[in-house]
Amino acid sequence: PQVLPVADEIEHVIPPYDLQALSIEVELFID
């Protein structure tokens, strides 16, 4: 599943490891 329960009426949507996330991480090398 992409959505998991946390508690009553609370859910967690698993976020995508998308191009923006992967790209901002490699910028740490330069910075």
All heavy atoms as atom14 arrays in JSON, in Angstrom:
{
  "sequence": "PQVLPVADEIEHVIPPYDLQALSIEVELFID",
  "atom14_mask": [
    [1, 1, 1, 1, 1, 1, 1, 0, 0, 0, 0, 0, 0, 0],
    [1, 1, 1, 1, 1, 1, 1, 1, 1, 0, 0, 0, 0, 0],
    [1, 1, 1, 1, 1, 1, 1, 0, 0, 0, 0, 0, 0, 0],
    [1, 1, 1, 1, 1, 1, 1, 1, 0, 0, 0, 0, 0, 0],
    [1, 1, 1, 1, 1, 1, 1, 0, 0, 0, 0, 0, 0, 0],
    [1, 1, 1, 1, 1, 1, 1, 0, 0, 0, 0, 0, 0, 0],
    [1, 1, 1, 1, 1, 0, 0, 0, 0, 0, 0, 0, 0, 0],
    [1, 1, 1, 1, 1, 1, 1, 1, 0, 0, 0, 0, 0, 0],
    [1, 1, 1, 1, 1, 1, 1, 1, 1, 0, 0, 0, 0, 0],
    [1, 1, 1, 1, 1, 1, 1, 1, 0, 0, 0, 0, 0, 0],
    [1, 1, 1, 1, 1, 1, 1, 1, 1, 0, 0, 0, 0, 0],
    [1, 1, 1, 1, 1, 1, 1, 1, 1, 1, 0, 0, 0, 0],
    [1, 1, 1, 1, 1, 1, 1, 0, 0, 0, 0, 0, 0, 0],
    [1, 1, 1, 1, 1, 1, 1, 1, 0, 0, 0, 0, 0, 0],
    [1, 1, 1, 1, 1, 1, 1, 0, 0, 0, 0, 0, 0, 0],
    [1, 1, 1, 1, 1, 1, 1, 0, 0, 0, 0, 0, 0, 0],
    [1, 1, 1, 1, 1, 1, 1, 1, 1, 1, 1, 1, 0, 0],
    [1, 1, 1, 1, 1, 1, 1, 1, 0, 0, 0, 0, 0, 0],
    [1, 1, 1, 1, 1, 1, 1, 1, 0, 0, 0, 0, 0, 0],
    [1, 1, 1, 1, 1, 1, 1, 1, 1, 0, 0, 0, 0, 0],
    [1, 1, 1, 1, 1, 0, 0, 0, 0, 0, 0, 0, 0, 0],
    [1, 1, 1, 1, 1, 1, 1, 1, 0, 0, 0, 0, 0, 0],
    [1, 1, 1, 1, 1, 1, 0, 0, 0, 0, 0, 0, 0, 0],
    [1, 1, 1, 1, 1, 1, 1, 1, 0, 0, 0, 0, 0, 0],
    [1, 1, 1, 1, 1, 1, 1, 1, 1, 0, 0, 0, 0, 0],
    [1, 1, 1, 1, 1, 1, 1, 0, 0, 0, 0, 0, 0, 0],
    [1, 1, 1, 1, 1, 1, 1, 1, 1, 0, 0, 0, 0, 0],
    [1, 1, 1, 1, 1, 1, 1, 1, 0, 0, 0, 0, 0, 0],
    [1, 1, 1, 1, 1, 1, 1, 1, 1, 1, 1, 0, 0, 0],
    [1, 1, 1, 1, 1, 1, 1, 1, 0, 0, 0, 0, 0, 0],
    [1, 1, 1, 1, 1, 1, 1, 1, 0, 0, 0, 0, 0, 0]
  ],
  "atom14_positions": [
    [[0.83, -1.22, 0.0], [0.0, 0.0, 0.0], [0.86, 1.26, 0.0], [2.02, 1.25, 0.45], [-0.79, -0.12, 1.31], [0.09, -0.94, 2.2], [0.8, -1.92, 1.29], [0.0, 0.0, 0.0], [0.0, 0.0, 0.0], [0.0, 0.0, 0.0], [0.0, 0.0, 0.0], [0.0, 0.0, 0.0], [0.0, 0.0, 0.0], [0.0, 0.0, 0.0]],
    [[0.3, 2.34, -0.48], [0.98, 3.63, -0.46], [0.49, 4.52, 0.68], [1.07, 5.56, 0.95], [0.78, 4.35, -1.8], [1.33, 3.57, -2.99], [1.15, 4.31, -4.3], [0.91, 5.51, -4.33], [1.27, 3.59, -5.39], [0.0, 0.0, 0.0], [0.0, 0.0, 0.0], [0.0, 0.0, 0.0], [0.0, 0.0, 0.0], [0.0, 0.0, 0.0]],
    [[-0.58, 4.09, 1.34], [-1.12, 4.82, 2.49], [-1.25, 3.83, 3.64], [-1.78, 2.73, 3.47], [-2.5, 5.43, 2.16], [-3.05, 6.17, 3.37], [-2.4, 6.37, 0.96], [0.0, 0.0, 0.0], [0.0, 0.0, 0.0], [0.0, 0.0, 0.0], [0.0, 0.0, 0.0], [0.0, 0.0, 0.0], [0.0, 0.0, 0.0], [0.0, 0.0, 0.0]],
    [[-0.74, 4.23, 4.81], [-0.73, 3.34, 5.96], [-1.41, 4.01, 7.16], [-1.29, 5.23, 7.34], [0.7, 2.97, 6.34], [1.47, 2.11, 5.33], [2.95, 2.07, 5.68], [0.9, 0.7, 5.3], [0.0, 0.0, 0.0], [0.0, 0.0, 0.0], [0.0, 0.0, 0.0], [0.0, 0.0, 0.0], [0.0, 0.0, 0.0], [0.0, 0.0, 0.0]],
    [[-2.09, 3.24, 7.99], [-2.74, 3.84, 9.16], [-1.73, 4.19, 10.25], [-0.73, 3.5, 10.43], [-3.69, 2.74, 9.63], [-3.04, 1.47, 9.17], [-2.37, 1.8, 7.87], [0.0, 0.0, 0.0], [0.0, 0.0, 0.0], [0.0, 0.0, 0.0], [0.0, 0.0, 0.0], [0.0, 0.0, 0.0], [0.0, 0.0, 0.0], [0.0, 0.0, 0.0]],
    [[-2.01, 5.27, 10.96], [-1.2, 5.69, 12.1], [-2.0, 5.51, 13.39], [-1.55, 4.89, 14.35], [-0.76, 7.16, 11.96], [0.02, 7.62, 13.19], [0.07, 7.36, 10.69], [0.0, 0.0, 0.0], [0.0, 0.0, 0.0], [0.0, 0.0, 0.0], [0.0, 0.0, 0.0], [0.0, 0.0, 0.0], [0.0, 0.0, 0.0], [0.0, 0.0, 0.0]],
    [[-3.18, 6.07, 13.4], [-4.09, 5.97, 14.55], [-5.5, 6.2, 14.0], [-5.68, 6.36, 12.8], [-3.72, 7.01, 15.62], [0.0, 0.0, 0.0], [0.0, 0.0, 0.0], [0.0, 0.0, 0.0], [0.0, 0.0, 0.0], [0.0, 0.0, 0.0], [0.0, 0.0, 0.0], [0.0, 0.0, 0.0], [0.0, 0.0, 0.0], [0.0, 0.0, 0.0]],
    [[-6.49, 6.21, 14.89], [-7.86, 6.44, 14.45], [-7.94, 7.74, 13.66], [-7.55, 8.82, 14.14], [-8.8, 6.51, 15.65], [-8.97, 5.16, 16.33], [-8.64, 4.14, 15.68], [-9.41, 5.13, 17.49], [0.0, 0.0, 0.0], [0.0, 0.0, 0.0], [0.0, 0.0, 0.0], [0.0, 0.0, 0.0], [0.0, 0.0, 0.0], [0.0, 0.0, 0.0]],
    [[-8.42, 7.63, 12.42], [-8.63, 8.77, 11.54], [-7.34, 9.5, 11.19], [-7.37, 10.67, 10.77], [-9.65, 9.74, 12.16], [-11.01, 9.11, 12.4], [-12.03, 10.1, 12.91], [-11.67, 11.28, 13.1], [-13.18, 9.69, 13.14], [0.0, 0.0, 0.0], [0.0, 0.0, 0.0], [0.0, 0.0, 0.0], [0.0, 0.0, 0.0], [0.0, 0.0, 0.0]],
    [[-6.2, 8.85, 11.36], [-4.91, 9.44, 10.96], [-4.2, 8.46, 10.05], [-4.02, 7.29, 10.41], [-4.01, 9.75, 12.18], [-4.71, 10.71, 13.14], [-2.68, 10.34, 11.72], [-3.92, 10.99, 14.4], [0.0, 0.0, 0.0], [0.0, 0.0, 0.0], [0.0, 0.0, 0.0], [0.0, 0.0, 0.0], [0.0, 0.0, 0.0], [0.0, 0.0, 0.0]],
    [[-3.81, 8.93, 8.88], [-3.1, 8.09, 7.92], [-1.8, 8.77, 7.49], [-1.65, 9.99, 7.58], [-3.97, 7.83, 6.69], [-5.19, 6.96, 6.96], [-5.99, 6.69, 5.69], [-6.0, 7.58, 4.8], [-6.59, 5.61, 5.6], [0.0, 0.0, 0.0], [0.0, 0.0, 0.0], [0.0, 0.0, 0.0], [0.0, 0.0, 0.0], [0.0, 0.0, 0.0]],
    [[-0.88, 7.94, 7.04], [0.39, 8.44, 6.52], [0.5, 8.06, 5.05], [0.42, 6.88, 4.7], [1.56, 7.83, 7.3], [2.9, 8.14, 6.69], [3.42, 9.41, 6.62], [3.84, 7.32, 6.11], [4.61, 9.37, 6.05], [4.89, 8.11, 5.72], [0.0, 0.0, 0.0], [0.0, 0.0, 0.0], [0.0, 0.0, 0.0], [0.0, 0.0, 0.0]],
    [[0.67, 9.06, 4.21], [0.87, 8.84, 2.79], [2.37, 8.76, 2.55], [3.1, 9.73, 2.81], [0.25, 9.96, 1.94], [0.5, 9.72, 0.45], [-1.25, 10.07, 2.22], [0.0, 0.0, 0.0], [0.0, 0.0, 0.0], [0.0, 0.0, 0.0], [0.0, 0.0, 0.0], [0.0, 0.0, 0.0], [0.0, 0.0, 0.0], [0.0, 0.0, 0.0]],
    [[2.85, 7.62, 2.08], [4.28, 7.46, 1.84], [4.67, 8.34, 0.67], [4.12, 8.21, -0.42], [4.63, 5.99, 1.55], [4.14, 5.09, 2.68], [6.14, 5.83, 1.37], [4.33, 3.61, 2.42], [0.0, 0.0, 0.0], [0.0, 0.0, 0.0], [0.0, 0.0, 0.0], [0.0, 0.0, 0.0], [0.0, 0.0, 0.0], [0.0, 0.0, 0.0]],
    [[5.62, 9.26, 0.87], [5.95, 10.2, -0.21], [6.83, 9.56, -1.28], [7.52, 8.57, -1.02], [6.72, 11.3, 0.52], [7.37, 10.6, 1.67], [6.38, 9.52, 2.09], [0.0, 0.0, 0.0], [0.0, 0.0, 0.0], [0.0, 0.0, 0.0], [0.0, 0.0, 0.0], [0.0, 0.0, 0.0], [0.0, 0.0, 0.0], [0.0, 0.0, 0.0]],
    [[6.81, 10.1, -2.49], [7.66, 9.55, -3.55], [9.1, 10.03, -3.4], [9.36, 11.17, -3.02], [7.03, 10.11, -4.82], [6.44, 11.42, -4.39], [5.96, 11.21, -2.98], [0.0, 0.0, 0.0], [0.0, 0.0, 0.0], [0.0, 0.0, 0.0], [0.0, 0.0, 0.0], [0.0, 0.0, 0.0], [0.0, 0.0, 0.0], [0.0, 0.0, 0.0]],
    [[10.04, 9.15, -3.7], [11.45, 9.55, -3.77], [11.68, 10.05, -5.19], [12.22, 9.36, -6.04], [12.33, 8.34, -3.47], [13.68, 8.67, -2.86], [14.56, 7.65, -2.51], [14.08, 9.97, -2.64], [15.79, 7.92, -1.94], [15.31, 10.26, -2.07], [16.16, 9.22, -1.72], [17.39, 9.5, -1.16], [0.0, 0.0, 0.0], [0.0, 0.0, 0.0]],
    [[11.26, 11.28, -5.44], [11.18, 11.8, -6.79], [12.46, 12.51, -7.2], [13.43, 12.59, -6.43], [9.97, 12.72, -6.92], [9.95, 13.84, -5.88], [11.02, 14.15, -5.31], [8.86, 14.4, -5.63], [0.0, 0.0, 0.0], [0.0, 0.0, 0.0], [0.0, 0.0, 0.0], [0.0, 0.0, 0.0], [0.0, 0.0, 0.0], [0.0, 0.0, 0.0]],
    [[12.43, 13.06, -8.41], [13.63, 13.69, -8.96], [14.05, 14.89, -8.12], [15.25, 15.13, -7.92], [13.37, 14.11, -10.41], [14.57, 14.66, -11.18], [15.69, 13.63, -11.27], [14.13, 15.11, -12.59], [0.0, 0.0, 0.0], [0.0, 0.0, 0.0], [0.0, 0.0, 0.0], [0.0, 0.0, 0.0], [0.0, 0.0, 0.0], [0.0, 0.0, 0.0]],
    [[13.09, 15.64, -7.6], [13.42, 16.8, -6.77], [14.17, 16.37, -5.51], [15.15, 17.0, -5.12], [12.16, 17.56, -6.39], [11.59, 18.42, -7.51], [10.43, 19.27, -7.0], [9.58, 18.81, -6.23], [10.38, 20.51, -7.42], [0.0, 0.0, 0.0], [0.0, 0.0, 0.0], [0.0, 0.0, 0.0], [0.0, 0.0, 0.0], [0.0, 0.0, 0.0]],
    [[13.68, 15.3, -4.86], [14.34, 14.83, -3.63], [15.75, 14.32, -3.92], [16.71, 14.67, -3.21], [13.5, 13.73, -3.0], [0.0, 0.0, 0.0], [0.0, 0.0, 0.0], [0.0, 0.0, 0.0], [0.0, 0.0, 0.0], [0.0, 0.0, 0.0], [0.0, 0.0, 0.0], [0.0, 0.0, 0.0], [0.0, 0.0, 0.0], [0.0, 0.0, 0.0]],
    [[15.88, 13.5, -4.93], [17.2, 12.94, -5.26], [18.17, 14.04, -5.68], [19.37, 13.98, -5.37], [17.05, 11.92, -6.38], [16.31, 10.63, -6.0], [15.83, 9.89, -7.25], [17.2, 9.72, -5.16], [0.0, 0.0, 0.0], [0.0, 0.0, 0.0], [0.0, 0.0, 0.0], [0.0, 0.0, 0.0], [0.0, 0.0, 0.0], [0.0, 0.0, 0.0]],
    [[17.68, 15.07, -6.35], [18.55, 16.14, -6.83], [18.99, 17.06, -5.71], [20.16, 17.48, -5.66], [17.82, 16.94, -7.92], [17.51, 16.13, -9.04], [0.0, 0.0, 0.0], [0.0, 0.0, 0.0], [0.0, 0.0, 0.0], [0.0, 0.0, 0.0], [0.0, 0.0, 0.0], [0.0, 0.0, 0.0], [0.0, 0.0, 0.0], [0.0, 0.0, 0.0]],
    [[18.06, 17.42, -4.81], [18.45, 18.33, -3.72], [19.48, 17.66, -2.82], [20.35, 18.32, -2.25], [17.21, 18.77, -2.9], [17.53, 20.03, -2.08], [16.72, 17.67, -1.97], [17.62, 21.27, -2.9], [0.0, 0.0, 0.0], [0.0, 0.0, 0.0], [0.0, 0.0, 0.0], [0.0, 0.0, 0.0], [0.0, 0.0, 0.0], [0.0, 0.0, 0.0]],
    [[19.43, 16.33, -2.72], [20.4, 15.62, -1.88], [21.81, 15.71, -2.46], [22.77, 15.91, -1.72], [19.97, 14.17, -1.72], [18.75, 13.98, -0.85], [18.34, 12.53, -0.73], [18.64, 11.73, -1.63], [17.73, 12.19, 0.3], [0.0, 0.0, 0.0], [0.0, 0.0, 0.0], [0.0, 0.0, 0.0], [0.0, 0.0, 0.0], [0.0, 0.0, 0.0]],
    [[21.95, 15.54, -3.78], [23.31, 15.56, -4.34], [23.92, 16.95, -4.27], [25.15, 17.1, -4.3], [23.35, 15.03, -5.79], [22.97, 13.56, -5.83], [22.48, 15.85, -6.73], [0.0, 0.0, 0.0], [0.0, 0.0, 0.0], [0.0, 0.0, 0.0], [0.0, 0.0, 0.0], [0.0, 0.0, 0.0], [0.0, 0.0, 0.0], [0.0, 0.0, 0.0]],
    [[23.09, 17.99, -4.16], [23.65, 19.33, -4.04], [24.42, 19.51, -2.74], [25.25, 20.43, -2.62], [22.53, 20.37, -4.13], [21.95, 20.51, -5.54], [21.05, 21.73, -5.67], [21.58, 22.86, -5.58], [19.84, 21.55, -5.86], [0.0, 0.0, 0.0], [0.0, 0.0, 0.0], [0.0, 0.0, 0.0], [0.0, 0.0, 0.0], [0.0, 0.0, 0.0]],
    [[24.18, 18.65, -1.76], [24.97, 18.71, -0.52], [26.45, 18.5, -0.8], [27.31, 19.01, -0.07], [24.47, 17.65, 0.46], [23.03, 17.81, 0.97], [22.65, 16.59, 1.8], [22.89, 19.08, 1.8], [0.0, 0.0, 0.0], [0.0, 0.0, 0.0], [0.0, 0.0, 0.0], [0.0, 0.0, 0.0], [0.0, 0.0, 0.0], [0.0, 0.0, 0.0]],
    [[26.78, 17.75, -1.84], [28.18, 17.52, -2.21], [28.85, 18.85, -2.53], [29.97, 19.13, -2.06], [28.25, 16.59, -3.42], [29.66, 16.33, -3.92], [30.4, 15.27, -3.42], [30.24, 17.15, -4.89], [31.69, 15.04, -3.87], [31.52, 16.92, -5.35], [32.25, 15.86, -4.84], [0.0, 0.0, 0.0], [0.0, 0.0, 0.0], [0.0, 0.0, 0.0]],
    [[28.18, 19.68, -3.33], [28.75, 20.97, -3.71], [28.79, 21.92, -2.52], [29.79, 22.6, -2.26], [27.94, 21.58, -4.87], [28.17, 20.77, -6.15], [28.32, 23.04, -5.09], [27.35, 21.24, -7.33], [0.0, 0.0, 0.0], [0.0, 0.0, 0.0], [0.0, 0.0, 0.0], [0.0, 0.0, 0.0], [0.0, 0.0, 0.0], [0.0, 0.0, 0.0]],
    [[27.69, 21.97, -1.77], [27.56, 22.96, -0.7], [28.43, 22.66, 0.51], [28.83, 23.6, 1.22], [26.09, 23.05, -0.26], [25.19, 23.56, -1.37], [25.7, 24.26, -2.26], [23.98, 23.25, -1.35], [0.0, 0.0, 0.0], [0.0, 0.0, 0.0], [0.0, 0.0, 0.0], [0.0, 0.0, 0.0], [0.0, 0.0, 0.0], [0.0, 0.0, 0.0]]
  ]
}
